[in-house]
C-alpha atoms as a PDB file:
ATOM      1  CA  UNK A   1      -7.402  25.578 -25.356  1.00  0.00           C
ATOM      2  CA  UNK A   2      -5.545  28.009 -23.286  1.00  0.00           C
ATOM      3  CA  UNK A   3      -5.722  27.705 -19.464  1.00  0.00           C
ATOM      4  CA  UNK A   4      -7.569  29.512 -17.272  1.00  0.00           C
ATOM      5  CA  UNK A   5      -6.185  28.607 -14.406  1.00  0.00           C
ATOM      6  CA  UNK A   6      -2.893  26.421 -13.449  1.00  0.00           C
ATOM      7  CA  UNK A   7      -2.155  25.683  -9.841  1.00  0.00           C
ATOM      8  CA  UNK A   8       0.736  23.969  -8.646  1.00  0.00           C
ATOM      9  CA  UNK A   9       1.346  21.507  -5.646  1.00  0.00           C
ATOM     10  CA  UNK A  10      -0.812  23.849  -3.167  1.00  0.00           C
ATOM     11  CA  UNK A  11      -0.412  23.457   0.581  1.00  0.00           C
ATOM     12  CA  UNK A  12      -2.583  24.706   2.927  1.00  0.00           C
ATOM     13  CA  UNK A  13      -1.427  24.526   6.551  1.00  0.00           C
ATOM     14  CA  UNK A  14      -3.576  25.434   9.285  1.00  0.00           C
ATOM     15  CA  UNK A  15      -2.387  25.467  13.178  1.00  0.00           C
ATOM     16  CA  UNK A  16      -5.355  23.696  15.838  1.00  0.00           C
ATOM     17  CA  UNK A  17      -3.580  24.048  18.994  1.00  0.00           C
ATOM     18  CA  UNK A  18      -0.350  21.584  18.755  1.00  0.00           C
ATOM     19  CA  UNK A  19      -1.736  20.023  15.836  1.00  0.00           C
ATOM     20  CA  UNK A  20      -1.169  21.170  11.835  1.00  0.00           C
ATOM     21  CA  UNK A  21      -3.854  20.265   9.595  1.00  0.00           C
ATOM     22  CA  UNK A  22      -3.331  19.898   5.868  1.00  0.00           C
ATOM     23  CA  UNK A  23      -6.438  21.225   4.447  1.00  0.00           C
ATOM     24  CA  UNK A  24      -4.541  21.110   0.714  1.00  0.00           C
ATOM     25  CA  UNK A  25      -2.149  18.658   0.339  1.00  0.00           C
ATOM     26  CA  UNK A  26       0.031  18.755  -2.375  1.00  0.00           C
ATOM     27  CA  UNK A  27      -2.999  19.972  -5.055  1.00  0.00           C
ATOM     28  CA  UNK A  28      -2.546  20.696  -8.795  1.00  0.00           C
ATOM     29  CA  UNK A  29      -4.660  20.940 -11.884  1.00  0.00           C
ATOM     30  CA  UNK A  30      -5.428  23.154 -14.780  1.00  0.00           C
ATOM     31  CA  UNK A  31      -8.760  24.755 -15.860  1.00  0.00           C
ATOM     32  CA  UNK A  32      -9.093  25.735 -19.398  1.00  0.00           C
ATOM     33  CA  UNK A  33     -11.188  29.000 -20.576  1.00  0.00           C
ATOM     34  CA  UNK A  34     -14.616  27.522 -21.292  1.00  0.00           C
ATOM     35  CA  UNK A  35     -14.300  24.686 -18.879  1.00  0.00           C
ATOM     36  CA  UNK A  36     -17.181  23.832 -16.478  1.00  0.00           C
ATOM     37  CA  UNK A  37     -15.955  22.098 -13.242  1.00  0.00           C
ATOM     38  CA  UNK A  38     -17.602  21.123 -10.271  1.00  0.00           C
ATOM     39  CA  UNK A  39     -15.331  20.362  -7.276  1.00  0.00           C
ATOM     40  CA  UNK A  40     -16.951  17.586  -4.891  1.00  0.00           C
ATOM     41  CA  UNK A  41     -15.842  15.954  -1.742  1.00  0.00           C
ATOM     42  CA  UNK A  42     -17.009  15.392   1.983  1.00  0.00           C
ATOM     43  CA  UNK A  43     -16.929  18.084   4.219  1.00  0.00           C
ATOM     44  CA  UNK A  44     -13.077  18.439   5.727  1.00  0.00           C
ATOM     45  CA  UNK A  45     -12.090  17.257   1.861  1.00  0.00           C
ATOM     46  CA  UNK A  46     -10.378  20.746   1.394  1.00  0.00           C
ATOM     47  CA  UNK A  47     -13.054  22.063  -1.419  1.00  0.00           C
ATOM     48  CA  UNK A  48     -14.241  25.071   0.394  1.00  0.00           C
ATOM     49  CA  UNK A  49     -10.330  26.020   1.012  1.00  0.00           C
ATOM     50  CA  UNK A  50      -9.876  25.065  -2.799  1.00  0.00           C
ATOM     51  CA  UNK A  51     -12.632  27.833  -3.670  1.00  0.00           C
ATOM     52  CA  UNK A  52     -11.386  30.193  -1.000  1.00  0.00           C
ATOM     53  CA  UNK A  53      -7.669  30.193  -2.587  1.00  0.00           C
ATOM     54  CA  UNK A  54      -8.906  30.452  -6.356  1.00  0.00           C
ATOM     55  CA  UNK A  55     -11.085  33.094  -5.517  1.00  0.00           C
ATOM     56  CA  UNK A  56      -8.399  35.025  -3.670  1.00  0.00           C
ATOM     57  CA  UNK A  57     -10.013  35.044  -0.493  1.00  0.00           C
ATOM     58  CA  UNK A  58      -7.174  32.649   1.043  1.00  0.00           C
ATOM     59  CA  UNK A  59      -3.251  31.953   0.096  1.00  0.00           C
ATOM     60  CA  UNK A  60      -1.762  28.514  -0.083  1.00  0.00           C
ATOM     61  CA  UNK A  61       1.253  27.835   2.459  1.00  0.00           C
ATOM     62  CA  UNK A  62       3.252  27.038  -0.376  1.00  0.00           C
ATOM     63  CA  UNK A  63       2.477  26.381  -4.467  1.00  0.00           C
ATOM     64  CA  UNK A  64       1.364  28.712  -7.282  1.00  0.00           C
ATOM     65  CA  UNK A  65      -1.838  29.660  -8.631  1.00  0.00           C
ATOM     66  CA  UNK A  66      -1.941  31.747 -11.371  1.00  0.00           C
ATOM     67  CA  UNK A  67      -5.850  32.891 -12.548  1.00  0.00           C
ATOM     68  CA  UNK A  68      -5.775  34.734 -15.949  1.00  0.00           C
ATOM     69  CA  UNK A  69      -1.985  34.793 -16.546  1.00  0.00           C
ATOM     70  CA  UNK A  70      -1.694  37.047 -12.875  1.00  0.00           C
ATOM     71  CA  UNK A  71       0.012  35.099  -9.647  1.00  0.00           C
ATOM     72  CA  UNK A  72      -2.386  35.970  -7.050  1.00  0.00           C
ATOM     73  CA  UNK A  73      -0.568  34.811  -4.468  1.00  0.00           C
ATOM     74  CA  UNK A  74       2.081  37.527  -5.148  1.00  0.00           C
ATOM     75  CA  UNK A  75      -0.688  40.441  -5.049  1.00  0.00           C
ATOM     76  CA  UNK A  76      -0.727  42.752  -2.438  1.00  0.00           C
ATOM     77  CA  UNK A  77      -4.559  43.219  -0.499  1.00  0.00           C
ATOM     78  CA  UNK A  78      -5.430  46.226  -2.995  1.00  0.00           C
ATOM     79  CA  UNK A  79      -4.221  44.620  -6.353  1.00  0.00           C
ATOM     80  CA  UNK A  80      -5.896  41.153  -5.212  1.00  0.00           C
ATOM     81  CA  UNK A  81      -9.377  42.977  -3.952  1.00  0.00           C
ATOM     82  CA  UNK A  82      -8.607  44.701  -8.029  1.00  0.00           C
ATOM     83  CA  UNK A  83      -8.007  41.634  -9.374  1.00  0.00           C
ATOM     84  CA  UNK A  84     -11.094  39.830  -7.925  1.00  0.00           C
ATOM     85  CA  UNK A  85     -13.590  42.533  -9.319  1.00  0.00           C
ATOM     86  CA  UNK A  86     -12.620  42.206 -12.485  1.00  0.00           C
ATOM     87  CA  UNK A  87     -11.850  38.767 -13.014  1.00  0.00           C
ATOM     88  CA  UNK A  88     -13.782  36.348 -10.605  1.00  0.00           C
ATOM     89  CA  UNK A  89     -17.905  36.769  -9.859  1.00  0.00           C
ATOM     90  CA  UNK A  90     -18.924  35.221  -7.030  1.00  0.00           C
ATOM     91  CA  UNK A  91     -22.022  33.376  -6.147  1.00  0.00           C
ATOM     92  CA  UNK A  92     -22.919  32.087  -3.013  1.00  0.00           C
ATOM     93  CA  UNK A  93     -25.688  29.751  -1.463  1.00  0.00           C
ATOM     94  CA  UNK A  94     -26.507  32.685   1.091  1.00  0.00           C
ATOM     95  CA  UNK A  95     -27.171  34.917  -1.923  1.00  0.00           C
ATOM     96  CA  UNK A  96     -25.157  37.777  -0.106  1.00  0.00           C
ATOM     97  CA  UNK A  97     -27.465  40.731  -1.473  1.00  0.00           C
ATOM     98  CA  UNK A  98     -28.048  43.797   0.241  1.00  0.00           C
ATOM     99  CA  UNK A  99     -31.669  43.649   2.022  1.00  0.00           C
ATOM    100  CA  UNK A 100     -31.681  47.628   1.538  1.00  0.00           C
ATOM    101  CA  UNK A 101     -30.821  47.659  -1.897  1.00  0.00           C
ATOM    102  CA  UNK A 102     -33.103  46.919  -5.363  1.00  0.00           C
ATOM    103  CA  UNK A 103     -32.300  44.188  -7.054  1.00  0.00           C
ATOM    104  CA  UNK A 104     -30.831  46.662  -9.943  1.00  0.00           C
ATOM    105  CA  UNK A 105     -28.638  48.111  -7.147  1.00  0.00           C
ATOM    106  CA  UNK A 106     -27.326  45.033  -6.123  1.00  0.00           C
ATOM    107  CA  UNK A 107     -26.435  44.221  -9.585  1.00  0.00           C
ATOM    108  CA  UNK A 108     -24.829  47.393 -10.303  1.00  0.00           C
ATOM    109  CA  UNK A 109     -22.756  47.221  -6.835  1.00  0.00           C
ATOM    110  CA  UNK A 110     -19.025  45.596  -8.786  1.00  0.00           C
ATOM    111  CA  UNK A 111     -19.567  47.939 -11.457  1.00  0.00           C
ATOM    112  CA  UNK A 112     -19.712  51.036  -9.138  1.00  0.00           C
ATOM    113  CA  UNK A 113     -16.343  49.929  -7.693  1.00  0.00           C
ATOM    114  CA  UNK A 114     -14.675  49.215 -11.297  1.00  0.00           C
ATOM    115  CA  UNK A 115     -15.717  52.986 -11.905  1.00  0.00           C
ATOM    116  CA  UNK A 116     -18.311  52.675 -13.768  1.00  0.00           C
ATOM    117  CA  UNK A 117     -20.958  55.905 -14.745  1.00  0.00           C
ATOM    118  CA  UNK A 118     -24.332  55.579 -13.560  1.00  0.00           C
ATOM    119  CA  UNK A 119     -25.339  55.451 -16.735  1.00  0.00           C
ATOM    120  CA  UNK A 120     -23.076  52.686 -18.385  1.00  0.00           C
ATOM    121  CA  UNK A 121     -23.684  51.089 -14.553  1.00  0.00           C
ATOM    122  CA  UNK A 122     -27.778  51.089 -14.749  1.00  0.00           C
ATOM    123  CA  UNK A 123     -27.867  49.767 -18.306  1.00  0.00           C
ATOM    124  CA  UNK A 124     -25.447  47.263 -17.838  1.00  0.00           C
ATOM    125  CA  UNK A 125     -27.721  46.018 -14.705  1.00  0.00           C
ATOM    126  CA  UNK A 126     -30.917  46.225 -16.619  1.00  0.00           C
ATOM    127  CA  UNK A 127     -29.447  44.151 -19.317  1.00  0.00           C
ATOM    128  CA  UNK A 128     -28.221  41.226 -16.519  1.00  0.00           C
ATOM    129  CA  UNK A 129     -31.535  41.122 -14.781  1.00  0.00           C
ATOM    130  CA  UNK A 130     -33.416  40.540 -18.079  1.00  0.00           C
ATOM    131  CA  UNK A 131     -30.952  38.423 -19.317  1.00  0.00           C
ATOM    132  CA  UNK A 132     -31.525  35.903 -16.482  1.00  0.00           C
ATOM    133  CA  UNK A 133     -35.515  36.330 -16.523  1.00  0.00           C
ATOM    134  CA  UNK A 134     -35.774  39.387 -13.871  1.00  0.00           C
ATOM    135  CA  UNK A 135     -36.537  41.949 -16.252  1.00  0.00           C
ATOM    136  CA  UNK A 136     -39.637  42.576 -13.982  1.00  0.00           C
ATOM    137  CA  UNK A 137     -38.520  42.585 -10.754  1.00  0.00           C
ATOM    138  CA  UNK A 138     -35.425  45.277 -11.271  1.00  0.00           C
ATOM    139  CA  UNK A 139     -37.112  47.422  -8.504  1.00  0.00           C
ATOM    140  CA  UNK A 140     -37.811  44.499  -6.030  1.00  0.00           C
ATOM    141  CA  UNK A 141     -35.684  44.121  -2.887  1.00  0.00           C
ATOM    142  CA  UNK A 142     -34.590  40.516  -1.835  1.00  0.00           C
ATOM    143  CA  UNK A 143     -37.210  40.402   0.744  1.00  0.00           C
ATOM    144  CA  UNK A 144     -39.521  40.465  -2.447  1.00  0.00           C
ATOM    145  CA  UNK A 145     -38.288  38.007  -4.029  1.00  0.00           C
ATOM    146  CA  UNK A 146     -38.289  34.131  -3.978  1.00  0.00           C
ATOM    147  CA  UNK A 147     -35.264  32.345  -3.200  1.00  0.00           C
ATOM    148  CA  UNK A 148     -34.671  31.333  -6.702  1.00  0.00           C
ATOM    149  CA  UNK A 149     -34.809  34.838  -7.961  1.00  0.00           C
ATOM    150  CA  UNK A 150     -32.696  36.351  -5.479  1.00  0.00           C
ATOM    151  CA  UNK A 151     -29.961  33.386  -6.430  1.00  0.00           C
ATOM    152  CA  UNK A 152     -30.704  34.683 -10.230  1.00  0.00           C
ATOM    153  CA  UNK A 153     -29.782  38.550  -8.903  1.00  0.00           C
ATOM    154  CA  UNK A 154     -26.559  36.893  -7.273  1.00  0.00           C
ATOM    155  CA  UNK A 155     -25.682  35.608 -10.803  1.00  0.00           C
ATOM    156  CA  UNK A 156     -26.684  38.701 -12.423  1.00  0.00           C
ATOM    157  CA  UNK A 157     -24.043  40.596 -10.144  1.00  0.00           C
ATOM    158  CA  UNK A 158     -21.686  37.788 -10.677  1.00  0.00           C
ATOM    159  CA  UNK A 159     -22.030  38.650 -14.439  1.00  0.00           C
ATOM    160  CA  UNK A 160     -21.453  42.322 -13.670  1.00  0.00           C
ATOM    161  CA  UNK A 161     -18.108  43.326 -15.524  1.00  0.00           C
ATOM    162  CA  UNK A 162     -17.697  40.357 -17.512  1.00  0.00           C
ATOM    163  CA  UNK A 163     -15.431  38.231 -15.365  1.00  0.00           C
ATOM    164  CA  UNK A 164     -13.055  35.909 -16.732  1.00  0.00           C
ATOM    165  CA  UNK A 165     -14.215  33.238 -14.362  1.00  0.00           C
ATOM    166  CA  UNK A 166     -17.910  32.358 -11.909  1.00  0.00           C
ATOM    167  CA  UNK A 167     -16.982  30.690  -9.216  1.00  0.00           C
ATOM    168  CA  UNK A 168     -20.211  29.096  -7.491  1.00  0.00           C
ATOM    169  CA  UNK A 169     -20.508  27.872  -3.953  1.00  0.00           C
ATOM    170  CA  UNK A 170     -23.284  25.574  -3.224  1.00  0.00           C
ATOM    171  CA  UNK A 171     -25.242  27.816  -5.545  1.00  0.00           C
ATOM    172  CA  UNK A 172     -28.373  25.398  -5.342  1.00  0.00           C
ATOM    173  CA  UNK A 173     -28.184  24.405  -1.625  1.00  0.00           C
ATOM    174  CA  UNK A 174     -30.385  26.685  -0.061  1.00  0.00           C
ATOM    175  CA  UNK A 175     -33.291  26.261  -3.133  1.00  0.00           C
ATOM    176  CA  UNK A 176     -36.326  23.952  -3.653  1.00  0.00           C
ATOM    177  CA  UNK A 177     -35.454  20.990  -6.368  1.00  0.00           C
ATOM    178  CA  UNK A 178     -36.869  22.590  -9.032  1.00  0.00           C
ATOM    179  CA  UNK A 179     -35.895  25.988  -8.484  1.00  0.00           C
ATOM    180  CA  UNK A 180     -32.081  24.188  -8.175  1.00  0.00           C
ATOM    181  CA  UNK A 181     -32.720  22.737 -11.763  1.00  0.00           C
ATOM    182  CA  UNK A 182     -33.725  25.719 -12.981  1.00  0.00           C
ATOM    183  CA  UNK A 183     -30.498  27.848 -11.645  1.00  0.00           C
ATOM    184  CA  UNK A 184     -28.274  24.828 -13.074  1.00  0.00           C
ATOM    185  CA  UNK A 185     -29.626  25.143 -16.731  1.00  0.00           C
ATOM    186  CA  UNK A 186     -29.318  28.624 -16.337  1.00  0.00           C
ATOM    187  CA  UNK A 187     -25.396  27.698 -15.629  1.00  0.00           C
ATOM    188  CA  UNK A 188     -25.368  25.394 -18.632  1.00  0.00           C
ATOM    189  CA  UNK A 189     -26.395  28.283 -20.868  1.00  0.00           C
ATOM    190  CA  UNK A 190     -24.074  30.536 -19.488  1.00  0.00           C
ATOM    191  CA  UNK A 191     -21.484  28.099 -20.152  1.00  0.00           C
ATOM    192  CA  UNK A 192     -22.630  27.107 -23.819  1.00  0.00           C
ATOM    193  CA  UNK A 193     -22.332  31.152 -24.122  1.00  0.00           C
ATOM    194  CA  UNK A 194     -18.148  30.944 -23.300  1.00  0.00           C
ATOM    195  CA  UNK A 195     -18.356  31.782 -19.899  1.00  0.00           C
ATOM    196  CA  UNK A 196     -15.962  29.251 -17.268  1.00  0.00           C
ATOM    197  CA  UNK A 197     -17.488  28.310 -14.315  1.00  0.00           C
ATOM    198  CA  UNK A 198     -16.446  26.354 -11.196  1.00  0.00           C
ATOM    199  CA  UNK A 199     -18.965  24.624  -8.673  1.00  0.00           C
ATOM    200  CA  UNK A 200     -18.190  23.933  -5.343  1.00  0.00           C
ATOM    201  CA  UNK A 201     -20.729  20.847  -4.218  1.00  0.00           C
ATOM    202  CA  UNK A 202     -21.223  18.220  -1.993  1.00  0.00           C
ATOM    203  CA  UNK A 203     -24.276  17.084  -4.184  1.00  0.00           C
ATOM    204  CA  UNK A 204     -23.397  14.862  -7.077  1.00  0.00           C
ATOM    205  CA  UNK A 205     -26.685  15.725  -8.824  1.00  0.00           C
ATOM    206  CA  UNK A 206     -25.252  19.003  -8.997  1.00  0.00           C
ATOM    207  CA  UNK A 207     -21.766  18.084 -10.088  1.00  0.00           C
ATOM    208  CA  UNK A 208     -23.107  15.775 -12.813  1.00  0.00           C
ATOM    209  CA  UNK A 209     -24.503  19.004 -14.719  1.00  0.00           C
ATOM    210  CA  UNK A 210     -20.947  20.032 -15.107  1.00  0.00           C
ATOM    211  CA  UNK A 211     -18.560  18.885 -18.044  1.00  0.00           C
ATOM    212  CA  UNK A 212     -16.094  17.864 -15.592  1.00  0.00           C
ATOM    213  CA  UNK A 213     -15.953  16.442 -11.382  1.00  0.00           C
ATOM    214  CA  UNK A 214     -12.848  17.151  -9.862  1.00  0.00           C
ATOM    215  CA  UNK A 215     -12.942  14.594  -6.204  1.00  0.00           C
ATOM    216  CA  UNK A 216     -11.385  15.590  -3.184  1.00  0.00           C
ATOM    217  CA  UNK A 217     -10.397  13.706  -0.036  1.00  0.00           C
ATOM    218  CA  UNK A 218      -8.099  14.525   3.002  1.00  0.00           C
ATOM    219  CA  UNK A 219      -6.850  17.518   1.317  1.00  0.00           C
ATOM    220  CA  UNK A 220      -6.017  15.985  -1.933  1.00  0.00           C
ATOM    221  CA  UNK A 221      -7.572  15.465  -5.500  1.00  0.00           C
ATOM    222  CA  UNK A 222      -8.610  11.784  -5.709  1.00  0.00           C
ATOM    223  CA  UNK A 223     -10.131  11.861  -8.876  1.00  0.00           C
ATOM    224  CA  UNK A 224     -10.301  14.558 -12.431  1.00  0.00           C
ATOM    225  CA  UNK A 225     -12.574  12.912 -14.834  1.00  0.00           C
ATOM    226  CA  UNK A 226     -15.068  14.664 -17.873  1.00  0.00           C
ATOM    227  CA  UNK A 227     -18.755  13.615 -16.986  1.00  0.00           C
ATOM    228  CA  UNK A 228     -20.058  11.123 -19.603  1.00  0.00           C
ATOM    229  CA  UNK A 229     -23.171  12.866 -19.608  1.00  0.00           C
ATOM    230  CA  UNK A 230     -21.388  15.746 -21.121  1.00  0.00           C
ATOM    231  CA  UNK A 231     -18.861  14.459 -23.053  1.00  0.00           C
ATOM    232  CA  UNK A 232     -21.001  12.309 -25.480  1.00  0.00           C
END
């Protein structure tokens, strides 16, 4: 199985006054295509910094990360924005939906940036919303939807353009436990269809739903293991 992500000796330093903080301290790993991986760790462990670097939202101080064949640290701002839009679907705890836009219009956004025609993007957005169980809510705005429904819109939007990678930051953190389970079941279904998923979470129950868990502490990977429940 080929790697979608290859990270080599990633270091990220931050200056805080007179102190240098090692947010990442020589992190290396590979994510095969079709993997479903959870990155866990306490606050300050480096997992959010790692997520930002994987997502092209931040750059490492040193080291190398290649995603879908692209050395993203070598891309300029325009190239990086294009890469993110084509390659990575983002899912956030706070949903990040546009309040004045309908569910359909929110899902269309990445396809607008990609230059899709009106007909193409509306048909694809409608199909994606139907796929996540919101076929009857396409004309609703975020305030007219429950938290779980808003997260489903966010997942549909992340799938627009068929990205190589879904990157989810605490995707169940703002949801009640049952809705969170429903969202995780949807992730498992998507992964079963071949979608590569990385979830960043502090919740070990959420992490247990993935195939693999990478645990971080003090900017380093301290454990990288297959989850027995999924591996069986």
